[in-house]
């Protein structure tokens, strides 16, 4: 049963309120397909019945499931390639240079989906920067979807998923085949701490980072929310840190505190005005409850 215009408007409003994601008027077919899948999985007669249950307010978990169903979780290992080339050749070497006195490094993969981006960073570090394995290295990955975070934490991927971005050498070295799927080896999985987080919620206790990856996320928000999120990132990025966005995303006309840097086909962002004095001494590192120190093998 197709959604009525009134029900679609209610769904769009609900998604915007709970996730800040703008569900365009041209997404009716997508919304019906995904809501229909929820209806079948939860034994509702149709999509309208799902929305009626949400309106009644008796099933908060159902609301979360519907919101998560409306989000897009497209990702792959070493997605777009150029950003990872910049990480290997420019960003990580520079961060290692300025952080050597403290031997501390904090990296955050925001809106990580099923975890391929975070694991790509972990693989890059293990294979090309083994010295970092003896540092106080913390790699965090967050997503608003509990289902995606659970999948990412398990580190289990289909043959199609590992074929997107992973070479046979990387697959053989860092994954174990189990049936038709491949699982990230434990020494890589334990490098990443996954947690559920909605970018529109308070992140007051989330500490500061040397590198934040917020890639292919902002395209789903309106300009006002983009500005809000950039403001929040500013509070969590160290003065000499790096912000990486998706290839179609920019801070231009949204946040003047960032300046773009182009390197090797990739574009990343750094603070344009903030003083870098003392940035290598470790100010802002307290992470409160942010997990344990990572151990080397």
Protein backbone atom coordinates (compact mmCIF):
# COMPACT_ATOMS: atom_id res chain seq x y z
CA UNK A 1 0.00 0.00 0.00
CA UNK A 2 1.57 3.33 -1.07
CA UNK A 3 2.16 6.01 1.54
CA UNK A 4 -0.36 8.82 1.56
CA UNK A 5 1.08 12.33 1.09
CA UNK A 6 0.27 13.05 4.73
CA UNK A 7 2.13 9.96 5.94
CA UNK A 8 5.14 10.75 3.77
CA UNK A 9 5.24 14.29 5.16
CA UNK A 10 5.07 12.87 8.70
CA UNK A 11 7.94 10.49 7.92
CA UNK A 12 10.06 13.27 6.45
CA UNK A 13 9.44 15.42 9.52
CA UNK A 14 10.30 12.54 11.85
CA UNK A 15 13.56 11.78 10.03
CA UNK A 16 14.52 15.46 10.03
CA UNK A 17 13.77 15.84 13.74
CA UNK A 18 15.62 12.70 14.86
CA UNK A 19 18.59 12.69 12.48
CA UNK A 20 18.66 16.11 10.74
CA UNK A 21 18.66 14.24 7.44
CA UNK A 22 16.63 15.92 4.72
CA UNK A 23 14.45 13.34 2.99
CA UNK A 24 13.61 15.03 -0.29
CA UNK A 25 10.18 14.99 -1.88
CA UNK A 26 11.70 12.88 -4.68
CA UNK A 27 12.49 10.06 -2.21
CA UNK A 28 8.96 8.70 -1.91
CA UNK A 29 9.79 5.44 -3.71
CA UNK A 30 12.89 4.90 -1.54
CA UNK A 31 10.90 5.63 1.64
CA UNK A 32 8.13 3.21 0.64
CA UNK A 33 10.62 0.46 -0.17
CA UNK A 34 12.54 0.80 3.09
CA UNK A 35 9.47 1.25 5.24
CA UNK A 36 7.93 -1.77 3.55
CA UNK A 37 10.95 -3.83 4.53
CA UNK A 38 10.52 -2.73 8.16
CA UNK A 39 6.84 -3.68 8.01
CA UNK A 40 7.67 -7.19 6.82
CA UNK A 41 10.44 -7.69 9.36
CA UNK A 42 8.25 -6.48 12.25
CA UNK A 43 5.06 -8.24 11.09
CA UNK A 44 3.01 -5.14 10.31
CA UNK A 45 0.35 -5.29 7.64
CA UNK A 46 1.87 -2.39 5.69
CA UNK A 47 3.91 0.82 5.93
CA UNK A 48 0.95 2.87 7.12
CA UNK A 49 0.60 0.51 10.09
CA UNK A 50 4.25 1.09 10.99
CA UNK A 51 3.78 4.85 11.06
CA UNK A 52 0.55 4.50 13.05
CA UNK A 53 2.45 2.52 15.69
CA UNK A 54 5.09 5.25 15.86
CA UNK A 55 2.45 7.95 16.20
CA UNK A 56 0.95 6.11 19.15
CA UNK A 57 4.27 6.46 20.96
CA UNK A 58 4.24 2.94 22.36
CA UNK A 59 7.34 1.56 20.63
CA UNK A 60 10.46 3.73 20.82
CA UNK A 61 12.62 0.99 19.37
CA UNK A 62 10.43 0.96 16.26
CA UNK A 63 11.06 4.69 15.79
CA UNK A 64 14.81 4.10 15.93
CA UNK A 65 14.56 1.24 13.43
CA UNK A 66 12.58 3.36 10.97
CA UNK A 67 14.98 6.31 11.24
CA UNK A 68 17.95 4.02 10.66
CA UNK A 69 16.19 2.43 7.70
CA UNK A 70 15.88 5.83 6.03
CA UNK A 71 19.65 6.50 6.21
CA UNK A 72 22.07 5.61 3.44
CA UNK A 73 24.98 3.35 4.40
CA UNK A 74 27.03 3.34 1.21
CA UNK A 75 30.71 2.74 1.94
CA UNK A 76 33.73 0.72 0.83
CA UNK A 77 37.32 -0.01 1.76
CA UNK A 78 39.76 2.80 0.83
CA UNK A 79 36.87 4.70 -0.71
CA UNK A 80 37.92 7.26 -3.39
CA UNK A 81 41.62 6.26 -2.93
CA UNK A 82 43.05 9.81 -3.07
CA UNK A 83 42.21 10.65 0.57
CA UNK A 84 44.08 7.56 1.72
CA UNK A 85 47.04 8.50 -0.46
CA UNK A 86 47.07 11.88 1.31
CA UNK A 87 46.87 10.11 4.67
CA UNK A 88 49.82 7.91 3.81
CA UNK A 89 52.06 10.50 2.15
CA UNK A 90 51.21 13.75 3.96
CA UNK A 91 48.87 13.71 6.93
CA UNK A 92 50.04 10.77 9.04
CA UNK A 93 53.76 11.51 8.53
CA UNK A 94 53.20 15.12 9.60
CA UNK A 95 51.13 14.11 12.62
CA UNK A 96 53.81 11.64 13.65
CA UNK A 97 56.41 14.38 13.41
CA UNK A 98 54.57 16.88 15.59
CA UNK A 99 53.22 14.29 18.04
CA UNK A 100 56.51 12.47 18.63
CA UNK A 101 57.14 14.20 21.99
CA UNK A 102 53.87 12.79 23.41
CA UNK A 103 53.49 9.71 21.19
CA UNK A 104 49.69 10.19 21.31
CA UNK A 105 47.39 10.14 18.32
CA UNK A 106 43.59 10.39 18.16
CA UNK A 107 41.56 9.63 15.02
CA UNK A 108 37.77 9.73 14.60
CA UNK A 109 35.82 8.18 11.73
CA UNK A 110 32.39 9.82 12.03
CA UNK A 111 29.28 8.27 10.44
CA UNK A 112 31.33 5.13 9.85
CA UNK A 113 28.47 2.95 8.58
CA UNK A 114 29.59 -0.71 8.56
CA UNK A 115 33.18 0.17 9.38
CA UNK A 116 35.15 -0.07 6.14
CA UNK A 117 36.65 3.43 6.49
CA UNK A 118 37.85 2.85 10.05
CA UNK A 119 39.34 -0.53 9.16
CA UNK A 120 41.02 1.00 6.10
CA UNK A 121 42.80 3.47 8.39
CA UNK A 122 43.79 0.66 10.73
CA UNK A 123 45.21 -1.37 7.81
CA UNK A 124 47.10 1.68 6.54
CA UNK A 125 48.66 2.22 9.96
CA UNK A 126 49.62 -1.43 10.46
CA UNK A 127 51.23 -1.78 7.04
CA UNK A 128 52.91 1.60 6.62
CA UNK A 129 53.32 3.13 10.08
CA UNK A 130 54.15 0.22 12.41
CA UNK A 131 55.83 2.62 14.84
CA UNK A 132 52.39 3.94 15.75
CA UNK A 133 51.48 0.55 17.21
CA UNK A 134 53.68 1.37 20.21
CA UNK A 135 52.07 4.82 20.65
CA UNK A 136 49.01 5.76 22.64
CA UNK A 137 46.89 5.31 19.51
CA UNK A 138 43.12 5.62 19.67
CA UNK A 139 40.95 5.11 16.63
CA UNK A 140 37.24 5.72 17.21
CA UNK A 141 34.40 5.12 14.78
CA UNK A 142 30.80 6.21 15.33
CA UNK A 143 27.47 5.90 13.58
CA UNK A 144 23.87 6.70 14.52
CA UNK A 145 22.72 3.20 13.52
CA UNK A 146 23.02 0.52 16.18
CA UNK A 147 22.75 -2.12 13.48
CA UNK A 148 25.67 -0.64 11.52
CA UNK A 149 27.81 -0.29 14.64
CA UNK A 150 27.17 -3.93 15.55
CA UNK A 151 28.12 -5.00 12.03
CA UNK A 152 31.25 -2.86 12.08
CA UNK A 153 32.33 -4.18 15.46
CA UNK A 154 31.99 -7.77 14.22
CA UNK A 155 34.22 -6.96 11.24
CA UNK A 156 32.48 -9.50 9.03
CA UNK A 157 32.05 -8.65 5.34
CA UNK A 158 30.68 -10.36 2.26
CA UNK A 159 32.82 -11.31 -0.71
CA UNK A 160 31.33 -8.40 -2.65
CA UNK A 161 32.17 -5.95 0.15
CA UNK A 162 35.82 -7.00 0.42
CA UNK A 163 36.16 -6.92 -3.37
CA UNK A 164 35.48 -3.17 -3.27
CA UNK A 165 38.79 -1.55 -2.47
CA UNK A 166 40.85 -4.41 -1.03
CA UNK A 167 43.70 -5.98 -2.93
CA UNK A 168 44.16 -9.78 -2.76
CA UNK A 169 47.33 -9.16 -0.71
CA UNK A 170 45.52 -7.09 1.92
CA UNK A 171 42.69 -9.59 2.06
CA UNK A 172 45.06 -12.52 2.60
CA UNK A 173 47.14 -10.68 5.20
CA UNK A 174 44.43 -9.15 7.37
CA UNK A 175 41.24 -11.20 6.90
CA UNK A 176 40.13 -14.75 7.58
CA UNK A 177 37.61 -16.44 5.33
CA UNK A 178 34.61 -18.07 6.98
CA UNK A 179 32.18 -19.58 4.50
CA UNK A 180 31.23 -16.96 1.94
CA UNK A 181 32.32 -14.07 4.18
CA UNK A 182 35.58 -12.59 5.38
CA UNK A 183 36.31 -11.43 8.94
CA UNK A 184 38.88 -8.79 9.89
CA UNK A 185 41.65 -10.35 11.96
CA UNK A 186 41.47 -9.65 15.67
CA UNK A 187 44.70 -7.63 15.77
CA UNK A 188 43.06 -5.14 13.38
CA UNK A 189 39.60 -5.21 14.97
CA UNK A 190 40.96 -4.33 18.39
CA UNK A 191 42.55 -1.17 17.00
CA UNK A 192 39.11 0.39 16.50
CA UNK A 193 36.53 1.26 19.14
CA UNK A 194 33.02 1.50 17.67
CA UNK A 195 30.16 3.28 19.39
CA UNK A 196 26.70 4.58 18.57
CA UNK A 197 26.50 8.35 18.17
CA UNK A 198 24.14 10.74 16.43
CA UNK A 199 25.97 13.81 15.16
CA UNK A 200 23.06 16.06 16.13
CA UNK A 201 23.25 14.98 19.79
CA UNK A 202 25.57 16.44 22.42
CA UNK A 203 29.21 15.38 22.10
CA UNK A 204 30.45 17.39 25.07
CA UNK A 205 32.49 14.54 26.55
CA UNK A 206 34.00 13.26 23.33
CA UNK A 207 37.44 14.86 23.63
CA UNK A 208 39.64 16.22 20.86
CA UNK A 209 41.22 14.63 17.83
CA UNK A 210 44.20 15.02 15.52
CA UNK A 211 42.24 13.76 12.52
CA UNK A 212 38.49 13.70 11.92
CA UNK A 213 36.97 11.98 8.90
CA UNK A 214 33.45 13.25 8.19
CA UNK A 215 33.14 11.94 4.68
CA UNK A 216 30.00 11.73 2.52
CA UNK A 217 27.74 12.72 5.41
CA UNK A 218 27.03 16.43 5.03
CA UNK A 219 25.33 15.95 1.67
CA UNK A 220 22.26 14.72 3.56
CA UNK A 221 21.92 17.86 5.73
CA UNK A 222 20.55 21.31 5.05
CA UNK A 223 22.93 24.33 5.20
CA UNK A 224 21.92 25.30 8.75
CA UNK A 225 22.71 21.83 10.11
CA UNK A 226 25.97 21.72 8.16
CA UNK A 227 27.03 24.91 9.91
CA UNK A 228 26.07 23.46 13.27
CA UNK A 229 28.07 20.31 12.67
CA UNK A 230 31.12 22.24 11.46
CA UNK A 231 30.93 24.26 14.67
CA UNK A 232 30.91 21.07 16.69
CA UNK A 233 33.82 19.63 14.74
CA UNK A 234 35.76 22.81 15.51
CA UNK A 235 35.48 22.05 19.21
CA UNK A 236 36.72 18.49 18.74
CA UNK A 237 39.56 19.11 16.28
CA UNK A 238 42.93 20.09 17.68
CA UNK A 239 44.35 23.43 16.47
CA UNK A 240 46.78 21.79 14.05
CA UNK A 241 44.50 18.87 13.21
CA UNK A 242 43.02 17.69 9.92
CA UNK A 243 39.40 17.42 8.78
CA UNK A 244 38.56 15.22 5.80
CA UNK A 245 35.24 15.51 3.98
CA UNK A 246 33.74 13.67 1.01
CA UNK A 247 34.76 14.62 -2.51
CA UNK A 248 31.51 16.58 -3.05
CA UNK A 249 31.62 18.34 0.33
CA UNK A 250 33.20 21.61 1.41
CA UNK A 251 33.28 24.19 4.19
CA UNK A 252 32.98 27.00 1.62
CA UNK A 253 30.24 29.52 2.58
CA UNK A 254 29.52 27.43 5.67
CA UNK A 255 32.43 27.91 8.07
CA UNK A 256 35.16 30.49 7.53
CA UNK A 257 37.43 29.03 10.22
CA UNK A 258 38.60 26.29 7.83
CA UNK A 259 40.91 26.54 4.83
CA UNK A 260 41.14 23.87 2.16
CA UNK A 261 44.42 22.15 1.30
CA UNK A 262 44.89 20.25 -1.95
CA UNK A 263 47.40 17.41 -2.11
CA UNK A 264 47.81 14.48 -4.50
CA UNK A 265 44.27 14.67 -5.83
CA UNK A 266 42.73 14.95 -2.37
CA UNK A 267 41.31 17.94 -0.52
CA UNK A 268 41.32 18.24 3.25
CA UNK A 269 40.73 21.09 5.68
CA UNK A 270 42.67 22.81 8.45
CA UNK A 271 41.99 25.79 10.66
CA UNK A 272 42.76 28.99 8.79
CA UNK A 273 43.26 31.41 11.71
CA UNK A 274 43.66 29.49 14.95
CA UNK A 275 47.14 29.64 16.45
CA UNK A 276 49.14 26.45 16.31
CA UNK A 277 51.41 27.46 19.19
CA UNK A 278 51.66 24.63 21.70
CA UNK A 279 49.58 22.26 19.59
CA UNK A 280 52.15 19.49 19.86
CA UNK A 281 52.20 19.55 23.66
CA UNK A 282 49.00 17.60 24.12
CA UNK A 283 46.45 20.21 25.21
CA UNK A 284 42.87 18.98 25.02
CA UNK A 285 43.65 15.29 25.05
CA UNK A 286 41.48 14.18 28.01
CA UNK A 287 38.90 11.81 26.59
CA UNK A 288 36.91 11.11 29.76
CA UNK A 289 35.20 7.73 29.24
CA UNK A 290 36.54 7.11 25.73
CA UNK A 291 37.78 3.60 26.16
CA UNK A 292 41.08 1.98 26.83
CA UNK A 293 44.53 2.57 25.46
CA UNK A 294 45.14 0.43 22.42
CA UNK A 295 47.72 -2.32 22.83
CA UNK A 296 50.29 -3.39 20.30
CA UNK A 297 50.59 -7.05 19.49
